[in-house]
Amino acid sequence: MQDVQLQIRLYGDGKVEWDEGTIGKSYRRRVTAITPAEVSAIERDLATIETTELHGKMGPYNTYTDTLVEIQIRMMTSQGERMFSAVNPWPGLREIKPLPPEVRSAICEVNILRSKVADEPVNRMCESKTPSK
């Protein structure tokens, strides 16, 4: 059995979608929008990532007691669409291998956007990347 949850989806026009957990382990699709300036800032940040290092299924990076987390990311770059997944990227009980900076940057862009629109905390590995208010 695979539990799939939409972390976040950002469209070029600023539309943002994500799934919010409900009682009973079902999900409700949420939709909002961000400004064109915010979209541009995210696009600029993503453009700085060396995407040639992002490929296929990467990881696992950390161990967990009883869960397996795989984050699948699809993003548009100047070289076209890039798709990859990272297994257990969030800091956990023990690091198996270092998380490459490119993977961390892509995941943190997703995490910071989700934190902003869903009013959730930023993961501790992404806190240093969060813009000051």
N, C-alpha and C. Protein backbone atom coordinates (compact mmCIF):
# COMPACT_ATOMS: atom_id res chain seq x y z
N MET A 1 0.85 -1.18 0.00
CA MET A 1 0.00 0.00 0.00
C MET A 1 0.89 1.24 0.00
N GLN A 2 0.55 2.22 -0.79
CA GLN A 2 1.33 3.45 -0.90
C GLN A 2 0.45 4.62 -0.51
N ASP A 3 0.93 5.42 0.44
CA ASP A 3 0.22 6.62 0.85
C ASP A 3 0.79 7.78 0.06
N VAL A 4 0.01 8.37 -0.81
CA VAL A 4 0.49 9.46 -1.65
C VAL A 4 -0.20 10.74 -1.22
N GLN A 5 0.61 11.76 -0.98
CA GLN A 5 0.09 13.05 -0.57
C GLN A 5 0.74 14.12 -1.43
N LEU A 6 -0.05 15.02 -1.92
CA LEU A 6 0.47 16.13 -2.71
C LEU A 6 1.10 17.12 -1.74
N GLN A 7 2.41 17.24 -1.78
CA GLN A 7 3.12 18.18 -0.91
C GLN A 7 2.73 19.60 -1.31
N ILE A 8 2.92 19.92 -2.60
CA ILE A 8 2.54 21.25 -3.10
C ILE A 8 2.68 21.26 -4.62
N ARG A 9 1.86 22.05 -5.28
CA ARG A 9 1.97 22.25 -6.72
C ARG A 9 1.83 23.73 -6.98
N LEU A 10 2.80 24.29 -7.70
CA LEU A 10 2.78 25.72 -8.04
C LEU A 10 2.70 25.86 -9.54
N TYR A 11 1.74 26.64 -10.00
CA TYR A 11 1.57 26.91 -11.42
C TYR A 11 2.20 28.27 -11.74
N GLY A 12 2.53 28.48 -13.01
CA GLY A 12 3.15 29.72 -13.45
C GLY A 12 2.32 30.96 -13.16
N ASP A 13 1.00 30.82 -13.07
CA ASP A 13 0.14 31.98 -12.82
C ASP A 13 -0.01 32.29 -11.33
N GLY A 14 0.67 31.51 -10.46
CA GLY A 14 0.62 31.74 -9.02
C GLY A 14 -0.35 30.85 -8.26
N LYS A 15 -1.13 30.05 -8.97
CA LYS A 15 -2.04 29.13 -8.30
C LYS A 15 -1.22 28.09 -7.54
N VAL A 16 -1.63 27.79 -6.32
CA VAL A 16 -0.94 26.82 -5.48
C VAL A 16 -1.96 25.81 -4.97
N GLU A 17 -1.64 24.52 -5.08
CA GLU A 17 -2.50 23.44 -4.58
C GLU A 17 -1.70 22.55 -3.64
N TRP A 18 -2.36 22.05 -2.61
CA TRP A 18 -1.76 21.07 -1.71
C TRP A 18 -2.86 20.26 -1.06
N ASP A 19 -2.50 19.13 -0.50
CA ASP A 19 -3.45 18.28 0.21
C ASP A 19 -3.30 18.51 1.70
N GLU A 20 -4.43 18.59 2.36
CA GLU A 20 -4.45 18.77 3.81
C GLU A 20 -5.09 17.54 4.42
N GLY A 21 -4.41 16.94 5.39
CA GLY A 21 -4.95 15.75 6.05
C GLY A 21 -6.20 16.06 6.84
N THR A 22 -7.12 15.12 6.86
CA THR A 22 -8.34 15.26 7.65
C THR A 22 -8.45 14.06 8.58
N ILE A 23 -9.38 14.11 9.49
CA ILE A 23 -9.60 12.99 10.39
C ILE A 23 -9.99 11.77 9.56
N GLY A 24 -9.44 10.62 9.88
CA GLY A 24 -9.71 9.40 9.12
C GLY A 24 -8.68 9.16 8.03
N LYS A 25 -7.60 9.95 8.02
CA LYS A 25 -6.49 9.78 7.07
C LYS A 25 -6.86 10.01 5.62
N SER A 26 -7.86 10.81 5.38
CA SER A 26 -8.15 11.19 3.99
C SER A 26 -7.55 12.59 3.79
N TYR A 27 -7.58 13.05 2.56
CA TYR A 27 -6.98 14.35 2.25
C TYR A 27 -7.99 15.24 1.55
N ARG A 28 -7.87 16.52 1.78
CA ARG A 28 -8.72 17.51 1.14
C ARG A 28 -7.80 18.43 0.34
N ARG A 29 -8.11 18.64 -0.93
CA ARG A 29 -7.33 19.51 -1.79
C ARG A 29 -7.59 20.96 -1.42
N ARG A 30 -6.53 21.70 -1.18
CA ARG A 30 -6.62 23.12 -0.85
C ARG A 30 -6.02 23.91 -2.01
N VAL A 31 -6.55 25.10 -2.25
CA VAL A 31 -6.09 25.94 -3.35
C VAL A 31 -6.01 27.38 -2.87
N THR A 32 -4.93 28.05 -3.25
CA THR A 32 -4.76 29.47 -3.00
C THR A 32 -3.90 30.03 -4.11
N ALA A 33 -3.42 31.24 -3.95
CA ALA A 33 -2.54 31.85 -4.96
C ALA A 33 -1.48 32.69 -4.26
N ILE A 34 -0.34 32.83 -4.94
CA ILE A 34 0.71 33.73 -4.48
C ILE A 34 0.91 34.79 -5.57
N THR A 35 1.62 35.84 -5.22
CA THR A 35 1.78 36.95 -6.15
C THR A 35 2.78 36.62 -7.26
N PRO A 36 2.70 37.34 -8.38
CA PRO A 36 3.68 37.14 -9.45
C PRO A 36 5.12 37.35 -8.96
N ALA A 37 5.32 38.29 -8.04
CA ALA A 37 6.67 38.53 -7.50
C ALA A 37 7.17 37.31 -6.73
N GLU A 38 6.27 36.66 -5.99
CA GLU A 38 6.66 35.45 -5.25
C GLU A 38 6.98 34.31 -6.21
N VAL A 39 6.19 34.17 -7.27
CA VAL A 39 6.47 33.15 -8.28
C VAL A 39 7.84 33.40 -8.90
N SER A 40 8.12 34.65 -9.25
CA SER A 40 9.42 35.00 -9.84
C SER A 40 10.57 34.68 -8.90
N ALA A 41 10.41 34.95 -7.61
CA ALA A 41 11.47 34.67 -6.64
C ALA A 41 11.73 33.17 -6.55
N ILE A 42 10.69 32.37 -6.55
CA ILE A 42 10.85 30.91 -6.51
C ILE A 42 11.52 30.42 -7.79
N GLU A 43 11.08 30.95 -8.94
CA GLU A 43 11.70 30.57 -10.21
C GLU A 43 13.19 30.92 -10.23
N ARG A 44 13.56 32.10 -9.70
CA ARG A 44 14.97 32.49 -9.62
C ARG A 44 15.76 31.53 -8.73
N ASP A 45 15.19 31.19 -7.57
CA ASP A 45 15.86 30.26 -6.66
C ASP A 45 16.06 28.90 -7.32
N LEU A 46 15.02 28.40 -7.98
CA LEU A 46 15.13 27.09 -8.63
C LEU A 46 16.13 27.14 -9.78
N ALA A 47 16.24 28.27 -10.45
CA ALA A 47 17.18 28.40 -11.57
C ALA A 47 18.63 28.31 -11.12
N THR A 48 18.90 28.55 -9.84
CA THR A 48 20.27 28.48 -9.34
C THR A 48 20.70 27.05 -9.00
N ILE A 49 19.76 26.12 -9.02
CA ILE A 49 20.07 24.73 -8.66
C ILE A 49 20.72 24.03 -9.85
N GLU A 50 21.82 23.34 -9.60
CA GLU A 50 22.50 22.56 -10.64
C GLU A 50 21.68 21.29 -10.87
N THR A 51 20.78 21.33 -11.85
CA THR A 51 19.82 20.24 -12.04
C THR A 51 20.41 19.00 -12.68
N THR A 52 21.61 19.09 -13.23
CA THR A 52 22.21 17.88 -13.82
C THR A 52 22.50 16.84 -12.74
N GLU A 53 22.55 17.26 -11.48
CA GLU A 53 22.81 16.34 -10.37
C GLU A 53 21.53 15.67 -9.87
N LEU A 54 20.38 16.09 -10.38
CA LEU A 54 19.10 15.55 -9.93
C LEU A 54 18.63 14.50 -10.94
N HIS A 55 18.52 13.25 -10.48
CA HIS A 55 18.16 12.19 -11.42
C HIS A 55 17.49 11.03 -10.68
N GLY A 56 16.50 10.46 -11.31
CA GLY A 56 15.87 9.23 -10.83
C GLY A 56 15.52 9.24 -9.36
N LYS A 57 15.76 8.08 -8.72
CA LYS A 57 15.47 7.91 -7.31
C LYS A 57 16.78 8.03 -6.54
N MET A 58 16.85 8.99 -5.63
CA MET A 58 18.07 9.22 -4.87
C MET A 58 17.80 8.98 -3.39
N GLY A 59 18.77 8.45 -2.69
CA GLY A 59 18.62 8.17 -1.27
C GLY A 59 18.50 6.68 -1.05
N PRO A 60 18.18 6.23 0.12
CA PRO A 60 17.76 7.02 1.28
C PRO A 60 18.92 7.77 1.91
N TYR A 61 18.56 8.90 2.55
CA TYR A 61 19.55 9.75 3.19
C TYR A 61 19.55 9.61 4.71
N ASN A 62 18.41 9.27 5.29
CA ASN A 62 18.29 9.15 6.74
C ASN A 62 17.48 7.90 7.08
N THR A 63 17.62 7.44 8.31
CA THR A 63 16.83 6.29 8.77
C THR A 63 15.65 6.79 9.59
N TYR A 64 14.60 6.01 9.57
CA TYR A 64 13.41 6.28 10.35
C TYR A 64 13.02 5.00 11.06
N THR A 65 12.27 5.14 12.14
CA THR A 65 11.86 3.98 12.91
C THR A 65 10.90 3.09 12.13
N ASP A 66 9.81 3.65 11.64
CA ASP A 66 8.80 2.80 11.02
C ASP A 66 8.15 3.40 9.77
N THR A 67 8.79 4.38 9.15
CA THR A 67 8.18 4.98 7.96
C THR A 67 9.21 5.15 6.86
N LEU A 68 8.71 5.17 5.65
CA LEU A 68 9.54 5.45 4.49
C LEU A 68 8.91 6.66 3.81
N VAL A 69 9.69 7.69 3.64
CA VAL A 69 9.20 8.91 3.01
C VAL A 69 9.93 9.08 1.69
N GLU A 70 9.18 9.27 0.64
CA GLU A 70 9.78 9.55 -0.66
C GLU A 70 9.11 10.79 -1.22
N ILE A 71 9.92 11.80 -1.48
CA ILE A 71 9.41 13.04 -2.05
C ILE A 71 9.72 13.03 -3.53
N GLN A 72 8.68 13.17 -4.34
CA GLN A 72 8.85 13.21 -5.79
C GLN A 72 8.71 14.66 -6.24
N ILE A 73 9.67 15.12 -7.00
CA ILE A 73 9.67 16.52 -7.44
C ILE A 73 9.75 16.58 -8.96
N ARG A 74 8.90 17.43 -9.52
CA ARG A 74 8.93 17.70 -10.96
C ARG A 74 9.00 19.21 -11.09
N MET A 75 10.01 19.70 -11.78
CA MET A 75 10.15 21.14 -11.93
C MET A 75 10.61 21.48 -13.33
N MET A 76 10.19 22.65 -13.79
CA MET A 76 10.61 23.14 -15.10
C MET A 76 11.90 23.92 -14.94
N THR A 77 12.85 23.67 -15.82
CA THR A 77 14.13 24.39 -15.80
C THR A 77 14.39 24.92 -17.21
N SER A 78 15.46 25.67 -17.37
CA SER A 78 15.80 26.17 -18.70
C SER A 78 16.15 25.03 -19.65
N GLN A 79 16.54 23.87 -19.09
CA GLN A 79 16.85 22.69 -19.91
C GLN A 79 15.63 21.79 -20.10
N GLY A 80 14.47 22.23 -19.63
CA GLY A 80 13.25 21.44 -19.75
C GLY A 80 12.81 20.90 -18.40
N GLU A 81 11.93 19.91 -18.42
CA GLU A 81 11.38 19.36 -17.19
C GLU A 81 12.37 18.41 -16.53
N ARG A 82 12.51 18.50 -15.20
CA ARG A 82 13.35 17.60 -14.41
C ARG A 82 12.46 16.89 -13.41
N MET A 83 12.58 15.56 -13.36
CA MET A 83 11.82 14.76 -12.40
C MET A 83 12.82 13.92 -11.62
N PHE A 84 12.64 13.87 -10.30
CA PHE A 84 13.47 13.03 -9.45
C PHE A 84 12.74 12.79 -8.14
N SER A 85 13.22 11.82 -7.38
CA SER A 85 12.67 11.59 -6.05
C SER A 85 13.81 11.44 -5.06
N ALA A 86 13.53 11.80 -3.81
CA ALA A 86 14.50 11.68 -2.73
C ALA A 86 13.85 10.84 -1.63
N VAL A 87 14.53 9.77 -1.24
CA VAL A 87 14.02 8.86 -0.21
C VAL A 87 14.58 9.27 1.15
N ASN A 88 13.69 9.42 2.12
CA ASN A 88 14.03 9.81 3.49
C ASN A 88 14.97 11.00 3.56
N PRO A 89 14.61 12.14 2.98
CA PRO A 89 15.50 13.29 3.01
C PRO A 89 15.46 14.08 4.32
N TRP A 90 14.35 13.97 5.07
CA TRP A 90 14.21 14.77 6.28
C TRP A 90 15.13 14.24 7.37
N PRO A 91 15.74 15.13 8.15
CA PRO A 91 16.60 14.69 9.24
C PRO A 91 15.85 13.72 10.15
N GLY A 92 16.49 12.62 10.47
CA GLY A 92 15.84 11.60 11.28
C GLY A 92 16.75 11.09 12.37
N LEU A 93 16.66 9.81 12.64
CA LEU A 93 17.44 9.21 13.72
C LEU A 93 18.92 9.15 13.39
N ARG A 94 19.23 8.84 12.16
CA ARG A 94 20.63 8.68 11.78
C ARG A 94 20.78 8.97 10.29
N GLU A 95 21.80 9.75 9.96
CA GLU A 95 22.07 10.06 8.57
C GLU A 95 22.81 8.89 7.93
N ILE A 96 22.29 8.41 6.80
CA ILE A 96 22.94 7.32 6.07
C ILE A 96 24.02 7.90 5.16
N LYS A 97 23.67 8.96 4.46
CA LYS A 97 24.63 9.67 3.61
C LYS A 97 24.19 11.11 3.51
N PRO A 98 25.11 12.02 3.21
CA PRO A 98 24.76 13.44 3.15
C PRO A 98 23.77 13.74 2.04
N LEU A 99 22.87 14.65 2.33
CA LEU A 99 21.90 15.11 1.34
C LEU A 99 22.61 16.12 0.45
N PRO A 100 22.68 15.86 -0.87
CA PRO A 100 23.36 16.81 -1.77
C PRO A 100 22.71 18.19 -1.71
N PRO A 101 23.52 19.24 -1.82
CA PRO A 101 22.97 20.61 -1.75
C PRO A 101 21.86 20.86 -2.77
N GLU A 102 21.97 20.28 -3.97
CA GLU A 102 20.95 20.48 -4.99
C GLU A 102 19.61 19.90 -4.57
N VAL A 103 19.65 18.71 -3.95
CA VAL A 103 18.43 18.06 -3.49
C VAL A 103 17.84 18.87 -2.34
N ARG A 104 18.69 19.27 -1.40
CA ARG A 104 18.23 20.08 -0.26
C ARG A 104 17.57 21.37 -0.76
N SER A 105 18.18 22.05 -1.72
CA SER A 105 17.62 23.32 -2.23
C SER A 105 16.25 23.11 -2.84
N ALA A 106 16.10 22.08 -3.67
CA ALA A 106 14.80 21.81 -4.32
C ALA A 106 13.74 21.47 -3.28
N ILE A 107 14.08 20.60 -2.33
CA ILE A 107 13.13 20.19 -1.30
C ILE A 107 12.75 21.38 -0.42
N CYS A 108 13.72 22.21 -0.08
CA CYS A 108 13.43 23.36 0.78
C CYS A 108 12.55 24.38 0.08
N GLU A 109 12.71 24.57 -1.22
CA GLU A 109 11.80 25.47 -1.95
C GLU A 109 10.36 24.97 -1.79
N VAL A 110 10.16 23.68 -1.94
CA VAL A 110 8.84 23.07 -1.78
C VAL A 110 8.35 23.26 -0.34
N ASN A 111 9.20 22.94 0.63
CA ASN A 111 8.81 23.00 2.03
C ASN A 111 8.49 24.43 2.48
N ILE A 112 9.28 25.40 2.04
CA ILE A 112 9.05 26.79 2.43
C ILE A 112 7.74 27.32 1.83
N LEU A 113 7.47 26.98 0.57
CA LEU A 113 6.21 27.41 -0.05
C LEU A 113 5.03 26.77 0.68
N ARG A 114 5.12 25.48 0.96
CA ARG A 114 4.02 24.80 1.67
C ARG A 114 3.83 25.42 3.05
N SER A 115 4.90 25.70 3.73
CA SER A 115 4.82 26.31 5.05
C SER A 115 4.07 27.64 5.00
N LYS A 116 4.38 28.42 3.98
CA LYS A 116 3.77 29.74 3.82
C LYS A 116 2.26 29.64 3.56
N VAL A 117 1.87 28.83 2.59
CA VAL A 117 0.45 28.81 2.22
C VAL A 117 -0.41 27.95 3.14
N ALA A 118 0.17 26.91 3.75
CA ALA A 118 -0.61 26.01 4.59
C ALA A 118 -0.45 26.34 6.08
N ASP A 119 0.30 27.40 6.38
CA ASP A 119 0.52 27.82 7.76
C ASP A 119 1.05 26.65 8.60
N GLU A 120 2.11 26.02 8.10
CA GLU A 120 2.77 24.91 8.77
C GLU A 120 4.21 25.33 9.06
N PRO A 121 4.84 24.69 10.05
CA PRO A 121 6.24 25.05 10.33
C PRO A 121 7.18 24.59 9.21
N VAL A 122 8.25 25.34 9.02
CA VAL A 122 9.29 24.97 8.07
C VAL A 122 10.11 23.85 8.72
N ASN A 123 10.47 22.84 7.94
CA ASN A 123 11.31 21.77 8.47
C ASN A 123 12.63 22.35 8.93
N ARG A 124 13.19 21.81 10.00
CA ARG A 124 14.40 22.39 10.58
C ARG A 124 15.57 22.43 9.60
N MET A 125 15.64 21.49 8.64
CA MET A 125 16.76 21.53 7.69
C MET A 125 16.62 22.69 6.71
N CYS A 126 15.43 23.29 6.62
CA CYS A 126 15.20 24.39 5.69
C CYS A 126 15.13 25.75 6.36
N GLU A 127 15.22 25.79 7.68
CA GLU A 127 15.04 27.05 8.40
C GLU A 127 16.05 28.12 7.97
N SER A 128 17.28 27.74 7.69
CA SER A 128 18.30 28.73 7.34
C SER A 128 18.03 29.35 5.96
N LYS A 129 17.21 28.70 5.16
CA LYS A 129 16.88 29.20 3.82
C LYS A 129 15.66 30.09 3.82
N THR A 130 14.92 30.11 4.95
CA THR A 130 13.69 30.88 5.03
C THR A 130 14.00 32.37 5.03
N PRO A 131 13.35 33.14 4.15
CA PRO A 131 13.61 34.58 4.12
C PRO A 131 13.14 35.23 5.41
N SER A 132 13.86 36.22 5.88
CA SER A 132 13.43 36.93 7.10
C SER A 132 12.24 37.79 6.79
N LYS A 133 11.40 37.95 7.79
CA LYS A 133 10.15 38.70 7.58
C LYS A 133 10.33 40.15 7.88
